[in-house]
Amino acid sequence: MNWHFLAAQCVMCYRTAAAQQGARTRVLNSGIVILLIPPIVVLAGILLLAYWKSGTRRPAATGKERQ
């Protein structure tokens, strides 16, 4: 069974990527990584905000707990 269809969702994208030379393939891969950065940053921000709003972080030490 041919599993290459999972790598590219459309035939045009798959054939274009397969026909590229080594240098252009690296540029295509770099473009994919660059396009992944904004969604990852947004997801990290949402997770950080959810963690911050959940109140599970430790309270700051004020010195009153020891007295």
C-alpha atoms as a PDB file:
ATOM      1  CA  MET A   1       0.000   0.000   0.000  1.00  0.00           C
ATOM      2  CA  ASN A   2       1.260   3.452  -0.909  1.00  0.00           C
ATOM      3  CA  TRP A   3       1.286   5.820   2.116  1.00  0.00           C
ATOM      4  CA  HIS A   4       2.614   8.874   0.258  1.00  0.00           C
ATOM      5  CA  PHE A   5      -0.875  10.334   0.056  1.00  0.00           C
ATOM      6  CA  LEU A   6      -0.601  11.169   3.755  1.00  0.00           C
ATOM      7  CA  ALA A   7       2.389  13.455   3.125  1.00  0.00           C
ATOM      8  CA  ALA A   8       0.588  15.711   0.652  1.00  0.00           C
ATOM      9  CA  GLN A   9      -3.149  16.189   0.626  1.00  0.00           C
ATOM     10  CA  CYS A  10      -3.517  17.014  -3.037  1.00  0.00           C
ATOM     11  CA  VAL A  11      -1.919  15.523  -6.107  1.00  0.00           C
ATOM     12  CA  MET A  12      -0.690  18.894  -7.371  1.00  0.00           C
ATOM     13  CA  CYS A  13       1.155  19.638  -4.118  1.00  0.00           C
ATOM     14  CA  TYR A  14       2.651  16.150  -3.989  1.00  0.00           C
ATOM     15  CA  ARG A  15       3.889  16.191  -7.581  1.00  0.00           C
ATOM     16  CA  THR A  16       5.245  19.723  -7.289  1.00  0.00           C
ATOM     17  CA  ALA A  17       7.191  18.818  -4.149  1.00  0.00           C
ATOM     18  CA  ALA A  18       8.436  15.543  -5.652  1.00  0.00           C
ATOM     19  CA  ALA A  19       9.675  17.280  -8.811  1.00  0.00           C
ATOM     20  CA  GLN A  20      11.743  19.877  -6.948  1.00  0.00           C
ATOM     21  CA  GLN A  21      15.505  19.795  -6.683  1.00  0.00           C
ATOM     22  CA  GLY A  22      17.301  19.570  -3.349  1.00  0.00           C
ATOM     23  CA  ALA A  23      17.650  23.321  -2.787  1.00  0.00           C
ATOM     24  CA  ARG A  24      14.019  24.015  -3.553  1.00  0.00           C
ATOM     25  CA  THR A  25      12.939  21.161  -1.322  1.00  0.00           C
ATOM     26  CA  ARG A  26      14.807  22.784   1.591  1.00  0.00           C
ATOM     27  CA  VAL A  27      13.078  26.104   0.836  1.00  0.00           C
ATOM     28  CA  LEU A  28       9.694  24.356   0.791  1.00  0.00           C
ATOM     29  CA  ASN A  29      10.448  22.676   4.123  1.00  0.00           C
ATOM     30  CA  SER A  30      11.599  26.005   5.594  1.00  0.00           C
ATOM     31  CA  GLY A  31       8.367  27.624   4.413  1.00  0.00           C
ATOM     32  CA  ILE A  32       6.338  24.926   6.115  1.00  0.00           C
ATOM     33  CA  VAL A  33       8.221  25.464   9.390  1.00  0.00           C
ATOM     34  CA  ILE A  34       7.800  29.243   9.120  1.00  0.00           C
ATOM     35  CA  LEU A  35       4.053  28.821   8.582  1.00  0.00           C
ATOM     36  CA  LEU A  36       3.846  26.567  11.658  1.00  0.00           C
ATOM     37  CA  ILE A  37       5.390  29.138  14.016  1.00  0.00           C
ATOM     38  CA  PRO A  38       2.338  31.466  14.421  1.00  0.00           C
ATOM     39  CA  PRO A  39      -0.145  28.676  15.322  1.00  0.00           C
ATOM     40  CA  ILE A  40       2.329  27.212  17.806  1.00  0.00           C
ATOM     41  CA  VAL A  41       2.864  30.618  19.432  1.00  0.00           C
ATOM     42  CA  VAL A  42      -0.897  31.204  19.636  1.00  0.00           C
ATOM     43  CA  LEU A  43      -1.455  27.746  21.157  1.00  0.00           C
ATOM     44  CA  ALA A  44       1.335  28.306  23.675  1.00  0.00           C
ATOM     45  CA  GLY A  45      -0.190  31.669  24.597  1.00  0.00           C
ATOM     46  CA  ILE A  46      -3.626  30.145  25.112  1.00  0.00           C
ATOM     47  CA  LEU A  47      -2.191  27.355  27.259  1.00  0.00           C
ATOM     48  CA  LEU A  48      -0.145  29.832  29.290  1.00  0.00           C
ATOM     49  CA  LEU A  49      -3.183  32.056  29.792  1.00  0.00           C
ATOM     50  CA  ALA A  50      -5.310  29.067  30.836  1.00  0.00           C
ATOM     51  CA  TYR A  51      -2.639  27.982  33.304  1.00  0.00           C
ATOM     52  CA  TRP A  52      -2.317  31.502  34.654  1.00  0.00           C
ATOM     53  CA  LYS A  53      -6.092  31.944  35.047  1.00  0.00           C
ATOM     54  CA  SER A  54      -6.588  28.505  36.645  1.00  0.00           C
ATOM     55  CA  GLY A  55      -4.928  29.639  39.875  1.00  0.00           C
ATOM     56  CA  THR A  56      -2.780  26.531  40.210  1.00  0.00           C
ATOM     57  CA  ARG A  57       0.448  28.441  40.521  1.00  0.00           C
ATOM     58  CA  ARG A  58       2.010  28.835  43.946  1.00  0.00           C
ATOM     59  CA  PRO A  59       1.344  32.044  45.885  1.00  0.00           C
ATOM     60  CA  ALA A  60       4.228  34.450  46.280  1.00  0.00           C
ATOM     61  CA  ALA A  61       6.048  34.278  49.594  1.00  0.00           C
ATOM     62  CA  THR A  62       5.235  37.393  51.601  1.00  0.00           C
ATOM     63  CA  GLY A  63       6.934  36.427  54.854  1.00  0.00           C
ATOM     64  CA  LYS A  64       3.640  36.456  56.810  1.00  0.00           C
ATOM     65  CA  GLU A  65       3.336  32.647  56.669  1.00  0.00           C
ATOM     66  CA  ARG A  66       6.344  32.165  58.943  1.00  0.00           C
ATOM     67  CA  GLN A  67       5.165  34.558  61.697  1.00  0.00           C
END
